[in-house]
Amino acid sequence: MNEEGRGPSAEPLLALIGEHRDTIRTALDDDQYALLLSRLRALAEAPPHDDRGVRKALQGVKLALRPLPFDHPVRTSLDGVRLVSAPPGPTTVTDALALVDLLASPEPTPPATPDPTASADALLREPALSSAEAAARCGGTPPPELIRLPAPPHGDRYPEFQFPAGGGTPHEVVLTVNRLLLADIDPRGAASWWLGGNSWLGGTPAELLGRLPDHELVGAAATLVEGE
């Protein structure tokens, strides 16, 4: 906590990433690690005085860290970072640049002979609807707020939790939260939020649909995207 009793700002999170860089590299697969590096580069390239731009870039970094194990020190710190009550300081961008240099050496190296079955995305193993099934449930083209995960060669998959179990159109709260999580830009990050543990909610958000008031789900997502 800072001296006003608010949550920590961004700089301690960046320091924590640097401190635990080895276990982060071990915990994330190549695609996830490359995404984290790209998000850190975006933060390092943000104009330091563009407060909203820096906050959005930090949001991207936080989403990229969501696949870490729930008990990882960096993962457990994410919900405590307050980008509004404790906004990014002047060194956030320069800290991110130094962190990129630290984490990017060496860059993740893909295997010489990739095995698609060995690197199957866990998110794609979750229950999901096909594009045709999602369109039928939506009464037409699915809205961009829905999480859509490309799954070649079989086509796109729409995680099933976004729809009521007995049929019908998508949950309104899912669309609201997905807008906050920029699901149209980062569907994997949004899916990871829904399908991973959340310390604020005390469980997995997707499993808490209909069991918690909608405003609690929205509020938990908002803690991640306070820069909006």
C-alpha atoms as a PDB file:
ATOM      1  CA  MET A   1       0.000   0.000   0.000  1.00  0.00           C
ATOM      2  CA  ASN A   2       1.107   3.585  -0.548  1.00  0.00           C
ATOM      3  CA  GLU A   3       0.988   6.230   2.119  1.00  0.00           C
ATOM      4  CA  GLU A   4      -2.640   7.097   1.356  1.00  0.00           C
ATOM      5  CA  GLY A   5      -3.752   3.493   1.843  1.00  0.00           C
ATOM      6  CA  ARG A   6      -4.394   2.912  -1.840  1.00  0.00           C
ATOM      7  CA  GLY A   7      -3.240   0.011  -3.977  1.00  0.00           C
ATOM      8  CA  PRO A   8       0.264  -0.027  -5.490  1.00  0.00           C
ATOM      9  CA  SER A   9       0.964   1.763  -8.755  1.00  0.00           C
ATOM     10  CA  ALA A  10       2.528   0.334 -11.897  1.00  0.00           C
ATOM     11  CA  GLU A  11       6.244   0.663 -11.101  1.00  0.00           C
ATOM     12  CA  PRO A  12       6.261  -2.002  -8.342  1.00  0.00           C
ATOM     13  CA  LEU A  13       4.530  -4.410 -10.728  1.00  0.00           C
ATOM     14  CA  LEU A  14       7.237  -3.872 -13.357  1.00  0.00           C
ATOM     15  CA  ALA A  15       9.909  -4.391 -10.701  1.00  0.00           C
ATOM     16  CA  LEU A  16       8.195  -7.614  -9.641  1.00  0.00           C
ATOM     17  CA  ILE A  17       8.161  -8.857 -13.236  1.00  0.00           C
ATOM     18  CA  GLY A  18      11.902  -8.263 -13.450  1.00  0.00           C
ATOM     19  CA  GLU A  19      12.513  -9.969 -10.116  1.00  0.00           C
ATOM     20  CA  HIS A  20      10.575 -13.097 -11.153  1.00  0.00           C
ATOM     21  CA  ARG A  21      11.501 -13.104 -14.842  1.00  0.00           C
ATOM     22  CA  ASP A  22      12.935 -16.642 -14.745  1.00  0.00           C
ATOM     23  CA  THR A  23       9.810 -18.235 -13.271  1.00  0.00           C
ATOM     24  CA  ILE A  24       7.621 -16.170 -15.614  1.00  0.00           C
ATOM     25  CA  ARG A  25       9.546 -17.551 -18.583  1.00  0.00           C
ATOM     26  CA  THR A  26       9.122 -21.090 -17.264  1.00  0.00           C
ATOM     27  CA  ALA A  27       5.409 -20.683 -16.506  1.00  0.00           C
ATOM     28  CA  LEU A  28       4.404 -19.200 -19.883  1.00  0.00           C
ATOM     29  CA  ASP A  29       4.550 -20.998 -23.193  1.00  0.00           C
ATOM     30  CA  ASP A  30       6.335 -19.388 -26.148  1.00  0.00           C
ATOM     31  CA  ASP A  31       3.220 -17.678 -27.508  1.00  0.00           C
ATOM     32  CA  GLN A  32       2.232 -16.309 -24.103  1.00  0.00           C
ATOM     33  CA  TYR A  33       5.766 -15.069 -23.400  1.00  0.00           C
ATOM     34  CA  ALA A  34       6.014 -13.434 -26.829  1.00  0.00           C
ATOM     35  CA  LEU A  35       2.680 -11.700 -26.150  1.00  0.00           C
ATOM     36  CA  LEU A  36       3.999 -10.384 -22.823  1.00  0.00           C
ATOM     37  CA  LEU A  37       7.096  -9.012 -24.552  1.00  0.00           C
ATOM     38  CA  SER A  38       4.980  -7.326 -27.234  1.00  0.00           C
ATOM     39  CA  ARG A  39       2.776  -5.716 -24.562  1.00  0.00           C
ATOM     40  CA  LEU A  40       5.834  -4.479 -22.672  1.00  0.00           C
ATOM     41  CA  ARG A  41       7.254  -3.072 -25.919  1.00  0.00           C
ATOM     42  CA  ALA A  42       3.967  -1.250 -26.535  1.00  0.00           C
ATOM     43  CA  LEU A  43       4.258   0.250 -23.051  1.00  0.00           C
ATOM     44  CA  ALA A  44       7.898   1.200 -23.647  1.00  0.00           C
ATOM     45  CA  GLU A  45       6.890   2.952 -26.887  1.00  0.00           C
ATOM     46  CA  ALA A  46       3.969   4.866 -25.355  1.00  0.00           C
ATOM     47  CA  PRO A  47       4.452   8.665 -25.089  1.00  0.00           C
ATOM     48  CA  PRO A  48       5.326   9.175 -21.393  1.00  0.00           C
ATOM     49  CA  HIS A  49       2.931  12.104 -21.001  1.00  0.00           C
ATOM     50  CA  ASP A  50      -0.012  10.354 -22.688  1.00  0.00           C
ATOM     51  CA  ASP A  51      -1.614   9.235 -19.417  1.00  0.00           C
ATOM     52  CA  ARG A  52      -4.501   7.349 -21.049  1.00  0.00           C
ATOM     53  CA  GLY A  53      -2.205   5.666 -23.578  1.00  0.00           C
ATOM     54  CA  VAL A  54       0.160   4.513 -20.849  1.00  0.00           C
ATOM     55  CA  ARG A  55      -2.741   3.143 -18.806  1.00  0.00           C
ATOM     56  CA  LYS A  56      -4.132   1.206 -21.781  1.00  0.00           C
ATOM     57  CA  ALA A  57      -0.675  -0.223 -22.474  1.00  0.00           C
ATOM     58  CA  LEU A  58      -0.422  -1.269 -18.827  1.00  0.00           C
ATOM     59  CA  GLN A  59      -3.828  -2.907 -19.131  1.00  0.00           C
ATOM     60  CA  GLY A  60      -2.395  -4.983 -21.978  1.00  0.00           C
ATOM     61  CA  VAL A  61       0.584  -6.023 -19.831  1.00  0.00           C
ATOM     62  CA  LYS A  62      -1.735  -7.081 -17.008  1.00  0.00           C
ATOM     63  CA  LEU A  63      -3.881  -9.171 -19.358  1.00  0.00           C
ATOM     64  CA  ALA A  64      -0.775 -10.844 -20.791  1.00  0.00           C
ATOM     65  CA  LEU A  65       0.230 -11.902 -17.259  1.00  0.00           C
ATOM     66  CA  ARG A  66      -3.140 -13.567 -16.511  1.00  0.00           C
ATOM     67  CA  PRO A  67      -2.067 -17.036 -17.778  1.00  0.00           C
ATOM     68  CA  LEU A  68       0.494 -17.261 -14.942  1.00  0.00           C
ATOM     69  CA  PRO A  69      -0.365 -19.822 -12.227  1.00  0.00           C
ATOM     70  CA  PHE A  70      -2.767 -18.329  -9.728  1.00  0.00           C
ATOM     71  CA  ASP A  71      -0.224 -18.633  -6.878  1.00  0.00           C
ATOM     72  CA  HIS A  72       2.644 -16.994  -8.798  1.00  0.00           C
ATOM     73  CA  PRO A  73       3.817 -13.808  -6.995  1.00  0.00           C
ATOM     74  CA  VAL A  74       3.251 -11.647 -10.078  1.00  0.00           C
ATOM     75  CA  ARG A  75      -0.177 -13.157 -10.782  1.00  0.00           C
ATOM     76  CA  THR A  76      -1.374 -12.599  -7.220  1.00  0.00           C
ATOM     77  CA  SER A  77      -0.294  -8.947  -7.377  1.00  0.00           C
ATOM     78  CA  LEU A  78      -2.335  -8.037 -10.473  1.00  0.00           C
ATOM     79  CA  ASP A  79      -5.656  -7.348  -8.771  1.00  0.00           C
ATOM     80  CA  GLY A  80      -3.919  -4.951  -6.392  1.00  0.00           C
ATOM     81  CA  VAL A  81      -2.526  -2.620  -9.046  1.00  0.00           C
ATOM     82  CA  ARG A  82      -4.642   0.534  -9.127  1.00  0.00           C
ATOM     83  CA  LEU A  83      -4.115   2.551 -12.306  1.00  0.00           C
ATOM     84  CA  VAL A  84      -6.618   5.245 -11.291  1.00  0.00           C
ATOM     85  CA  SER A  85      -6.112   5.740  -7.558  1.00  0.00           C
ATOM     86  CA  ALA A  86      -2.344   5.361  -8.053  1.00  0.00           C
ATOM     87  CA  PRO A  87      -1.749   6.351 -11.700  1.00  0.00           C
ATOM     88  CA  PRO A  88       1.433   5.489 -13.639  1.00  0.00           C
ATOM     89  CA  GLY A  89       4.427   7.526 -12.539  1.00  0.00           C
ATOM     90  CA  PRO A  90       6.886   9.320 -14.833  1.00  0.00           C
ATOM     91  CA  THR A  91       9.307   6.392 -14.893  1.00  0.00           C
ATOM     92  CA  THR A  92       6.777   3.775 -16.014  1.00  0.00           C
ATOM     93  CA  VAL A  93       7.705   3.964 -19.703  1.00  0.00           C
ATOM     94  CA  THR A  94      11.461   3.976 -19.080  1.00  0.00           C
ATOM     95  CA  ASP A  95      11.097   1.099 -16.616  1.00  0.00           C
ATOM     96  CA  ALA A  96       9.204  -0.868 -19.279  1.00  0.00           C
ATOM     97  CA  LEU A  97      11.978  -0.250 -21.819  1.00  0.00           C
ATOM     98  CA  ALA A  98      14.599  -1.598 -19.421  1.00  0.00           C
ATOM     99  CA  LEU A  99      12.365  -4.564 -18.639  1.00  0.00           C
ATOM    100  CA  VAL A 100      11.977  -5.437 -22.326  1.00  0.00           C
ATOM    101  CA  ASP A 101      15.769  -5.532 -22.678  1.00  0.00           C
ATOM    102  CA  LEU A 102      15.993  -7.753 -19.616  1.00  0.00           C
ATOM    103  CA  LEU A 103      13.279 -10.209 -20.635  1.00  0.00           C
ATOM    104  CA  ALA A 104      13.991 -10.340 -24.364  1.00  0.00           C
ATOM    105  CA  SER A 105      17.451 -11.858 -24.019  1.00  0.00           C
ATOM    106  CA  PRO A 106      17.258 -14.551 -25.105  1.00  0.00           C
ATOM    107  CA  GLU A 107      14.034 -14.390 -27.126  1.00  0.00           C
ATOM    108  CA  PRO A 108      11.793 -17.452 -26.853  1.00  0.00           C
ATOM    109  CA  THR A 109      12.909 -20.020 -29.411  1.00  0.00           C
ATOM    110  CA  PRO A 110      10.265 -22.156 -31.114  1.00  0.00           C
ATOM    111  CA  PRO A 111      11.015 -25.876 -31.423  1.00  0.00           C
ATOM    112  CA  ALA A 112      12.729 -26.921 -34.638  1.00  0.00           C
ATOM    113  CA  THR A 113       9.925 -29.335 -35.480  1.00  0.00           C
ATOM    114  CA  PRO A 114       6.708 -27.992 -33.975  1.00  0.00           C
ATOM    115  CA  ASP A 115       4.222 -30.615 -32.838  1.00  0.00           C
ATOM    116  CA  PRO A 116       0.710 -29.098 -33.118  1.00  0.00           C
ATOM    117  CA  THR A 117      -0.739 -31.716 -30.790  1.00  0.00           C
ATOM    118  CA  ALA A 118       1.861 -31.034 -28.106  1.00  0.00           C
ATOM    119  CA  SER A 119       1.243 -27.272 -28.211  1.00  0.00           C
ATOM    120  CA  ALA A 120      -2.559 -27.490 -28.270  1.00  0.00           C
ATOM    121  CA  ASP A 121      -4.059 -24.361 -26.746  1.00  0.00           C
ATOM    122  CA  ALA A 122      -5.791 -25.136 -23.456  1.00  0.00           C
ATOM    123  CA  LEU A 123      -8.365 -22.449 -24.201  1.00  0.00           C
ATOM    124  CA  LEU A 124      -9.418 -24.325 -27.333  1.00  0.00           C
ATOM    125  CA  ARG A 125     -10.120 -27.416 -25.246  1.00  0.00           C
ATOM    126  CA  GLU A 126     -12.817 -25.561 -23.314  1.00  0.00           C
ATOM    127  CA  PRO A 127     -16.451 -26.231 -24.346  1.00  0.00           C
ATOM    128  CA  ALA A 128     -17.298 -23.923 -27.235  1.00  0.00           C
ATOM    129  CA  LEU A 129     -19.741 -23.212 -30.050  1.00  0.00           C
ATOM    130  CA  SER A 130     -18.841 -23.142 -33.712  1.00  0.00           C
ATOM    131  CA  SER A 131     -19.329 -19.986 -35.762  1.00  0.00           C
ATOM    132  CA  ALA A 132     -22.590 -21.375 -37.166  1.00  0.00           C
ATOM    133  CA  GLU A 133     -23.865 -22.312 -33.709  1.00  0.00           C
ATOM    134  CA  ALA A 134     -22.940 -18.905 -32.280  1.00  0.00           C
ATOM    135  CA  ALA A 135     -24.653 -17.147 -35.183  1.00  0.00           C
ATOM    136  CA  ALA A 136     -27.796 -19.196 -34.611  1.00  0.00           C
ATOM    137  CA  ARG A 137     -27.844 -18.292 -30.926  1.00  0.00           C
ATOM    138  CA  CYS A 138     -27.283 -14.597 -31.731  1.00  0.00           C
ATOM    139  CA  GLY A 139     -29.842 -14.446 -34.508  1.00  0.00           C
ATOM    140  CA  GLY A 140     -27.180 -13.377 -36.989  1.00  0.00           C
ATOM    141  CA  THR A 141     -23.524 -12.387 -36.990  1.00  0.00           C
ATOM    142  CA  PRO A 142     -22.164 -12.694 -33.423  1.00  0.00           C
ATOM    143  CA  PRO A 143     -21.381  -9.293 -31.871  1.00  0.00           C
ATOM    144  CA  PRO A 144     -17.701  -8.294 -31.754  1.00  0.00           C
ATOM    145  CA  GLU A 145     -17.819  -8.274 -27.943  1.00  0.00           C
ATOM    146  CA  LEU A 146     -18.022 -12.072 -27.894  1.00  0.00           C
ATOM    147  CA  ILE A 147     -14.747 -13.918 -27.386  1.00  0.00           C
ATOM    148  CA  ARG A 148     -13.870 -15.565 -30.692  1.00  0.00           C
ATOM    149  CA  LEU A 149     -10.870 -17.905 -30.717  1.00  0.00           C
ATOM    150  CA  PRO A 150      -9.461 -18.868 -34.129  1.00  0.00           C
ATOM    151  CA  ALA A 151      -9.003 -22.629 -34.354  1.00  0.00           C
ATOM    152  CA  PRO A 152      -7.711 -23.549 -37.800  1.00  0.00           C
ATOM    153  CA  PRO A 153      -8.487 -25.630 -39.739  1.00  0.00           C
ATOM    154  CA  HIS A 154     -11.854 -26.070 -38.026  1.00  0.00           C
ATOM    155  CA  GLY A 155     -12.876 -22.421 -37.891  1.00  0.00           C
ATOM    156  CA  ASP A 156     -13.586 -20.056 -35.023  1.00  0.00           C
ATOM    157  CA  ARG A 157     -14.739 -21.182 -31.585  1.00  0.00           C
ATOM    158  CA  TYR A 158     -16.896 -19.177 -29.169  1.00  0.00           C
ATOM    159  CA  PRO A 159     -16.405 -20.289 -25.530  1.00  0.00           C
ATOM    160  CA  GLU A 160     -19.670 -21.787 -24.356  1.00  0.00           C
ATOM    161  CA  PHE A 161     -19.837 -19.989 -20.996  1.00  0.00           C
ATOM    162  CA  GLN A 162     -20.789 -16.808 -22.859  1.00  0.00           C
ATOM    163  CA  PHE A 163     -24.253 -18.253 -23.541  1.00  0.00           C
ATOM    164  CA  PRO A 164     -27.025 -19.471 -21.187  1.00  0.00           C
ATOM    165  CA  ALA A 165     -26.907 -23.236 -20.682  1.00  0.00           C
ATOM    166  CA  GLY A 166     -30.500 -23.739 -21.833  1.00  0.00           C
ATOM    167  CA  GLY A 167     -30.160 -21.737 -25.037  1.00  0.00           C
ATOM    168  CA  GLY A 168     -30.653 -18.114 -25.954  1.00  0.00           C
ATOM    169  CA  THR A 169     -28.586 -15.066 -26.727  1.00  0.00           C
ATOM    170  CA  PRO A 170     -25.297 -14.223 -24.960  1.00  0.00           C
ATOM    171  CA  HIS A 171     -25.317 -13.106 -21.341  1.00  0.00           C
ATOM    172  CA  GLU A 172     -25.495  -9.306 -21.250  1.00  0.00           C
ATOM    173  CA  VAL A 173     -22.974  -9.211 -18.408  1.00  0.00           C
ATOM    174  CA  VAL A 174     -20.538 -11.195 -20.548  1.00  0.00           C
ATOM    175  CA  LEU A 175     -20.808  -8.622 -23.325  1.00  0.00           C
ATOM    176  CA  THR A 176     -20.288  -5.808 -20.804  1.00  0.00           C
ATOM    177  CA  VAL A 177     -17.228  -7.417 -19.242  1.00  0.00           C
ATOM    178  CA  ASN A 178     -15.807  -8.380 -22.632  1.00  0.00           C
ATOM    179  CA  ARG A 179     -15.992  -4.747 -23.725  1.00  0.00           C
ATOM    180  CA  LEU A 180     -13.949  -3.817 -20.658  1.00  0.00           C
ATOM    181  CA  LEU A 181     -11.428  -6.569 -21.414  1.00  0.00           C
ATOM    182  CA  LEU A 182     -11.120  -5.542 -25.096  1.00  0.00           C
ATOM    183  CA  ALA A 183     -12.125  -9.050 -26.186  1.00  0.00           C
ATOM    184  CA  ASP A 184     -12.313  -7.972 -29.821  1.00  0.00           C
ATOM    185  CA  ILE A 185      -8.591  -7.070 -29.677  1.00  0.00           C
ATOM    186  CA  ASP A 186      -7.308  -9.646 -27.192  1.00  0.00           C
ATOM    187  CA  PRO A 187      -9.712 -12.616 -27.102  1.00  0.00           C
ATOM    188  CA  ARG A 188      -7.159 -14.878 -25.407  1.00  0.00           C
ATOM    189  CA  GLY A 189      -6.606 -12.402 -22.600  1.00  0.00           C
ATOM    190  CA  ALA A 190     -10.345 -12.001 -22.073  1.00  0.00           C
ATOM    191  CA  ALA A 191     -10.888 -15.776 -22.119  1.00  0.00           C
ATOM    192  CA  SER A 192      -8.061 -16.242 -19.612  1.00  0.00           C
ATOM    193  CA  TRP A 193      -9.758 -13.769 -17.250  1.00  0.00           C
ATOM    194  CA  TRP A 194     -13.082 -15.602 -17.433  1.00  0.00           C
ATOM    195  CA  LEU A 195     -11.579 -19.082 -17.104  1.00  0.00           C
ATOM    196  CA  GLY A 196      -8.896 -18.363 -14.493  1.00  0.00           C
ATOM    197  CA  GLY A 197      -9.075 -17.837 -10.750  1.00  0.00           C
ATOM    198  CA  ASN A 198      -9.931 -14.380  -9.453  1.00  0.00           C
ATOM    199  CA  SER A 199      -8.989 -13.332  -5.929  1.00  0.00           C
ATOM    200  CA  TRP A 200     -11.657 -10.602  -5.814  1.00  0.00           C
ATOM    201  CA  LEU A 201     -14.441 -13.035  -6.642  1.00  0.00           C
ATOM    202  CA  GLY A 202     -13.054 -16.041  -4.803  1.00  0.00           C
ATOM    203  CA  GLY A 203     -13.446 -18.316  -7.800  1.00  0.00           C
ATOM    204  CA  THR A 204     -13.521 -18.602 -11.575  1.00  0.00           C
ATOM    205  CA  PRO A 205     -15.642 -15.831 -13.164  1.00  0.00           C
ATOM    206  CA  ALA A 206     -17.185 -18.108 -15.811  1.00  0.00           C
ATOM    207  CA  GLU A 207     -18.351 -20.518 -13.111  1.00  0.00           C
ATOM    208  CA  LEU A 208     -19.850 -17.664 -11.099  1.00  0.00           C
ATOM    209  CA  LEU A 209     -22.178 -16.448 -13.868  1.00  0.00           C
ATOM    210  CA  GLY A 210     -25.702 -16.455 -12.453  1.00  0.00           C
ATOM    211  CA  ARG A 211     -24.403 -17.140  -8.950  1.00  0.00           C
ATOM    212  CA  LEU A 212     -23.030 -13.659  -8.279  1.00  0.00           C
ATOM    213  CA  PRO A 213     -24.771 -10.361  -9.074  1.00  0.00           C
ATOM    214  CA  ASP A 214     -23.747  -9.049 -12.469  1.00  0.00           C
ATOM    215  CA  HIS A 215     -22.335  -5.852 -10.971  1.00  0.00           C
ATOM    216  CA  GLU A 216     -19.780  -7.872  -8.967  1.00  0.00           C
ATOM    217  CA  LEU A 217     -18.436  -9.498 -12.137  1.00  0.00           C
ATOM    218  CA  VAL A 218     -18.267  -6.125 -13.867  1.00  0.00           C
ATOM    219  CA  GLY A 219     -16.556  -4.601 -10.840  1.00  0.00           C
ATOM    220  CA  ALA A 220     -13.944  -7.358 -10.720  1.00  0.00           C
ATOM    221  CA  ALA A 221     -13.135  -6.813 -14.403  1.00  0.00           C
ATOM    222  CA  ALA A 222     -12.997  -3.064 -13.862  1.00  0.00           C
ATOM    223  CA  THR A 223     -10.187  -3.499 -11.325  1.00  0.00           C
ATOM    224  CA  LEU A 224      -8.066  -4.692 -14.232  1.00  0.00           C
ATOM    225  CA  VAL A 225      -8.959  -1.875 -16.611  1.00  0.00           C
ATOM    226  CA  GLU A 226      -9.192   1.207 -14.445  1.00  0.00           C
ATOM    227  CA  GLY A 227      -7.369   3.201 -17.094  1.00  0.00           C
ATOM    228  CA  GLU A 228     -10.581   3.317 -19.145  1.00  0.00           C
END
